[in-house]
Amino acid sequence: MDAITCDPTSDRFFASGSHDKTIKLWDAQKPQKALNILTGNKNGIWCLNYSHDGKRLVSASSDGLCKIWDVKSGKCTTEFTGH
């Protein structure tokens, strides 16, 4: 795991990013299995942060991509290059 961030609207949910190119969404009360796994980066996740309302995640990786993810759907909604 390279990055971790807590949902600012709940002390229960958090997300982790890793070398394996995934973002995993977790419930701290049920840590045995990720709630969802977000994929789509070519390289590992280096940085991860929730939006202030907990509805989106921003990820960055060494492939030069910064992505915005919808937490509920697990889909990338916006992608920026060259960060």
N, C-alpha and C. Protein backbone atom coordinates (compact mmCIF):
# COMPACT_ATOMS: atom_id res chain seq x y z
N MET A 1 0.85 -1.16 0.00
CA MET A 1 0.00 0.00 0.00
C MET A 1 0.90 1.24 0.00
N ASP A 2 0.58 2.17 -0.88
CA ASP A 2 1.36 3.41 -1.00
C ASP A 2 0.60 4.64 -0.54
N ALA A 3 -0.72 4.57 -0.56
CA ALA A 3 -1.53 5.74 -0.21
C ALA A 3 -2.77 5.28 0.55
N ILE A 4 -3.20 6.12 1.48
CA ILE A 4 -4.42 5.83 2.23
C ILE A 4 -5.09 7.16 2.56
N THR A 5 -6.42 7.16 2.54
CA THR A 5 -7.18 8.36 2.87
C THR A 5 -8.49 7.94 3.54
N CYS A 6 -8.93 8.74 4.48
CA CYS A 6 -10.18 8.47 5.20
C CYS A 6 -11.30 9.34 4.67
N ASP A 7 -12.47 8.77 4.57
CA ASP A 7 -13.67 9.49 4.16
C ASP A 7 -13.93 10.59 5.19
N PRO A 8 -13.96 11.86 4.79
CA PRO A 8 -14.15 12.94 5.76
C PRO A 8 -15.55 13.02 6.34
N THR A 9 -16.49 12.27 5.78
CA THR A 9 -17.86 12.31 6.28
C THR A 9 -18.18 11.14 7.22
N SER A 10 -17.21 10.23 7.38
CA SER A 10 -17.46 9.04 8.21
C SER A 10 -16.15 8.52 8.77
N ASP A 11 -16.17 8.07 10.00
CA ASP A 11 -14.97 7.46 10.57
C ASP A 11 -14.90 5.97 10.25
N ARG A 12 -15.80 5.52 9.43
CA ARG A 12 -15.92 4.09 9.11
C ARG A 12 -15.26 3.70 7.78
N PHE A 13 -15.27 4.59 6.78
CA PHE A 13 -14.82 4.23 5.44
C PHE A 13 -13.48 4.87 5.11
N PHE A 14 -12.66 4.12 4.34
CA PHE A 14 -11.39 4.64 3.88
C PHE A 14 -11.01 3.99 2.56
N ALA A 15 -10.01 4.53 1.90
CA ALA A 15 -9.54 4.01 0.61
C ALA A 15 -8.03 3.85 0.66
N SER A 16 -7.53 2.85 -0.06
CA SER A 16 -6.10 2.64 -0.16
C SER A 16 -5.71 2.51 -1.62
N GLY A 17 -4.50 2.94 -1.94
CA GLY A 17 -3.95 2.81 -3.29
C GLY A 17 -2.63 2.08 -3.21
N SER A 18 -2.29 1.34 -4.27
CA SER A 18 -1.13 0.45 -4.17
C SER A 18 -0.36 0.31 -5.47
N HIS A 19 0.81 -0.35 -5.35
CA HIS A 19 1.65 -0.69 -6.50
C HIS A 19 0.91 -1.55 -7.52
N ASP A 20 -0.08 -2.28 -7.07
CA ASP A 20 -0.79 -3.19 -7.96
C ASP A 20 -1.79 -2.47 -8.88
N LYS A 21 -1.73 -1.12 -8.89
CA LYS A 21 -2.53 -0.28 -9.80
C LYS A 21 -4.00 -0.21 -9.42
N THR A 22 -4.33 -0.56 -8.19
CA THR A 22 -5.72 -0.54 -7.77
C THR A 22 -5.96 0.44 -6.63
N ILE A 23 -7.19 0.88 -6.53
CA ILE A 23 -7.69 1.62 -5.38
C ILE A 23 -8.75 0.73 -4.75
N LYS A 24 -8.61 0.49 -3.46
CA LYS A 24 -9.58 -0.35 -2.77
C LYS A 24 -10.34 0.48 -1.75
N LEU A 25 -11.65 0.32 -1.74
CA LEU A 25 -12.53 1.00 -0.79
C LEU A 25 -12.85 0.03 0.33
N TRP A 26 -12.74 0.52 1.56
CA TRP A 26 -12.85 -0.35 2.74
C TRP A 26 -13.87 0.17 3.74
N ASP A 27 -14.42 -0.76 4.50
CA ASP A 27 -15.26 -0.47 5.67
C ASP A 27 -14.44 -0.92 6.88
N ALA A 28 -14.08 -0.01 7.75
CA ALA A 28 -13.24 -0.33 8.91
C ALA A 28 -13.90 -1.34 9.85
N GLN A 29 -15.21 -1.45 9.80
CA GLN A 29 -15.91 -2.41 10.65
C GLN A 29 -15.94 -3.81 10.03
N LYS A 30 -15.58 -3.90 8.74
CA LYS A 30 -15.54 -5.19 8.04
C LYS A 30 -14.29 -5.24 7.15
N PRO A 31 -13.10 -5.23 7.75
CA PRO A 31 -11.87 -5.10 6.96
C PRO A 31 -11.41 -6.37 6.23
N GLN A 32 -12.14 -7.45 6.33
CA GLN A 32 -11.73 -8.71 5.72
C GLN A 32 -11.73 -8.65 4.19
N LYS A 33 -12.61 -7.83 3.61
CA LYS A 33 -12.74 -7.78 2.15
C LYS A 33 -13.08 -6.35 1.72
N ALA A 34 -12.41 -5.89 0.66
CA ALA A 34 -12.67 -4.56 0.13
C ALA A 34 -14.11 -4.45 -0.36
N LEU A 35 -14.72 -3.28 -0.15
CA LEU A 35 -16.08 -3.03 -0.64
C LEU A 35 -16.11 -2.94 -2.16
N ASN A 36 -15.04 -2.35 -2.73
CA ASN A 36 -14.95 -2.18 -4.17
C ASN A 36 -13.49 -2.03 -4.54
N ILE A 37 -13.15 -2.39 -5.76
CA ILE A 37 -11.79 -2.22 -6.27
C ILE A 37 -11.87 -1.43 -7.56
N LEU A 38 -11.21 -0.28 -7.58
CA LEU A 38 -11.21 0.60 -8.75
C LEU A 38 -9.93 0.36 -9.53
N THR A 39 -10.06 0.17 -10.84
CA THR A 39 -8.90 -0.09 -11.69
C THR A 39 -8.90 0.85 -12.89
N GLY A 40 -7.75 0.98 -13.52
CA GLY A 40 -7.67 1.81 -14.72
C GLY A 40 -6.36 2.56 -14.86
N ASN A 41 -5.50 2.49 -13.84
CA ASN A 41 -4.19 3.14 -13.95
C ASN A 41 -3.18 2.17 -14.56
N LYS A 42 -2.22 2.73 -15.29
CA LYS A 42 -1.16 1.91 -15.90
C LYS A 42 -0.04 1.64 -14.91
N ASN A 43 0.12 2.50 -13.92
CA ASN A 43 1.14 2.34 -12.88
C ASN A 43 0.47 2.37 -11.52
N GLY A 44 1.26 2.13 -10.47
CA GLY A 44 0.73 2.12 -9.12
C GLY A 44 0.21 3.47 -8.67
N ILE A 45 -0.65 3.45 -7.68
CA ILE A 45 -1.23 4.67 -7.11
C ILE A 45 -0.27 5.24 -6.08
N TRP A 46 0.14 6.48 -6.26
CA TRP A 46 1.09 7.14 -5.35
C TRP A 46 0.40 8.06 -4.36
N CYS A 47 -0.74 8.62 -4.75
CA CYS A 47 -1.41 9.60 -3.90
C CYS A 47 -2.91 9.43 -4.07
N LEU A 48 -3.64 9.66 -2.97
CA LEU A 48 -5.07 9.42 -2.97
C LEU A 48 -5.72 10.34 -1.95
N ASN A 49 -6.86 10.94 -2.30
CA ASN A 49 -7.55 11.82 -1.37
C ASN A 49 -9.04 11.89 -1.70
N TYR A 50 -9.86 11.90 -0.65
CA TYR A 50 -11.31 12.09 -0.81
C TYR A 50 -11.63 13.57 -1.02
N SER A 51 -12.73 13.82 -1.72
CA SER A 51 -13.27 15.17 -1.76
C SER A 51 -13.89 15.48 -0.40
N HIS A 52 -14.16 16.75 -0.13
CA HIS A 52 -14.69 17.14 1.19
C HIS A 52 -16.04 16.51 1.51
N ASP A 53 -16.81 16.15 0.47
CA ASP A 53 -18.13 15.55 0.71
C ASP A 53 -18.10 14.02 0.69
N GLY A 54 -16.92 13.43 0.46
CA GLY A 54 -16.77 11.99 0.46
C GLY A 54 -17.33 11.27 -0.75
N LYS A 55 -17.76 12.02 -1.76
CA LYS A 55 -18.38 11.41 -2.94
C LYS A 55 -17.39 11.08 -4.05
N ARG A 56 -16.22 11.69 -4.00
CA ARG A 56 -15.22 11.48 -5.04
C ARG A 56 -13.85 11.20 -4.43
N LEU A 57 -13.02 10.54 -5.20
CA LEU A 57 -11.63 10.31 -4.84
C LEU A 57 -10.76 10.89 -5.96
N VAL A 58 -9.64 11.44 -5.59
CA VAL A 58 -8.65 11.89 -6.57
C VAL A 58 -7.43 10.99 -6.39
N SER A 59 -6.94 10.43 -7.50
CA SER A 59 -5.75 9.59 -7.44
C SER A 59 -4.69 10.13 -8.38
N ALA A 60 -3.44 9.87 -8.04
CA ALA A 60 -2.31 10.24 -8.89
C ALA A 60 -1.35 9.07 -8.94
N SER A 61 -0.71 8.90 -10.10
CA SER A 61 0.24 7.80 -10.26
C SER A 61 1.42 8.26 -11.09
N SER A 62 2.45 7.42 -11.12
CA SER A 62 3.68 7.78 -11.83
C SER A 62 3.53 7.77 -13.35
N ASP A 63 2.39 7.34 -13.86
CA ASP A 63 2.16 7.37 -15.30
C ASP A 63 1.75 8.77 -15.77
N GLY A 64 1.74 9.74 -14.84
CA GLY A 64 1.40 11.11 -15.18
C GLY A 64 -0.08 11.40 -15.19
N LEU A 65 -0.88 10.46 -14.70
CA LEU A 65 -2.33 10.64 -14.70
C LEU A 65 -2.85 10.99 -13.31
N CYS A 66 -3.78 11.90 -13.31
CA CYS A 66 -4.55 12.24 -12.12
C CYS A 66 -6.00 11.95 -12.49
N LYS A 67 -6.65 11.13 -11.70
CA LYS A 67 -8.02 10.73 -12.02
C LYS A 67 -8.97 11.10 -10.88
N ILE A 68 -10.18 11.44 -11.27
CA ILE A 68 -11.25 11.67 -10.30
C ILE A 68 -12.23 10.52 -10.45
N TRP A 69 -12.55 9.90 -9.32
CA TRP A 69 -13.40 8.72 -9.28
C TRP A 69 -14.69 9.01 -8.53
N ASP A 70 -15.78 8.48 -9.01
CA ASP A 70 -17.04 8.52 -8.29
C ASP A 70 -17.04 7.33 -7.33
N VAL A 71 -17.10 7.59 -6.04
CA VAL A 71 -17.00 6.54 -5.03
C VAL A 71 -18.16 5.56 -5.14
N LYS A 72 -19.36 6.06 -5.35
CA LYS A 72 -20.54 5.19 -5.38
C LYS A 72 -20.51 4.22 -6.57
N SER A 73 -20.20 4.72 -7.76
CA SER A 73 -20.21 3.88 -8.95
C SER A 73 -18.88 3.15 -9.18
N GLY A 74 -17.79 3.69 -8.63
CA GLY A 74 -16.47 3.11 -8.85
C GLY A 74 -15.88 3.44 -10.20
N LYS A 75 -16.46 4.40 -10.89
CA LYS A 75 -16.00 4.75 -12.24
C LYS A 75 -15.19 6.04 -12.23
N CYS A 76 -14.21 6.09 -13.13
CA CYS A 76 -13.43 7.30 -13.33
C CYS A 76 -14.29 8.29 -14.09
N THR A 77 -14.43 9.52 -13.57
CA THR A 77 -15.27 10.52 -14.23
C THR A 77 -14.45 11.56 -14.97
N THR A 78 -13.21 11.77 -14.56
CA THR A 78 -12.34 12.77 -15.17
C THR A 78 -10.90 12.30 -15.10
N GLU A 79 -10.13 12.63 -16.13
CA GLU A 79 -8.73 12.25 -16.17
C GLU A 79 -7.88 13.44 -16.64
N PHE A 80 -6.81 13.70 -15.92
CA PHE A 80 -5.88 14.77 -16.26
C PHE A 80 -4.52 14.14 -16.54
N THR A 81 -3.81 14.66 -17.50
CA THR A 81 -2.48 14.15 -17.81
C THR A 81 -1.41 15.19 -17.50
N GLY A 82 -0.20 14.70 -17.28
CA GLY A 82 0.95 15.59 -17.12
C GLY A 82 1.13 16.20 -15.76
N HIS A 83 0.61 15.57 -14.70
CA HIS A 83 0.79 16.14 -13.37
C HIS A 83 2.24 16.03 -12.96
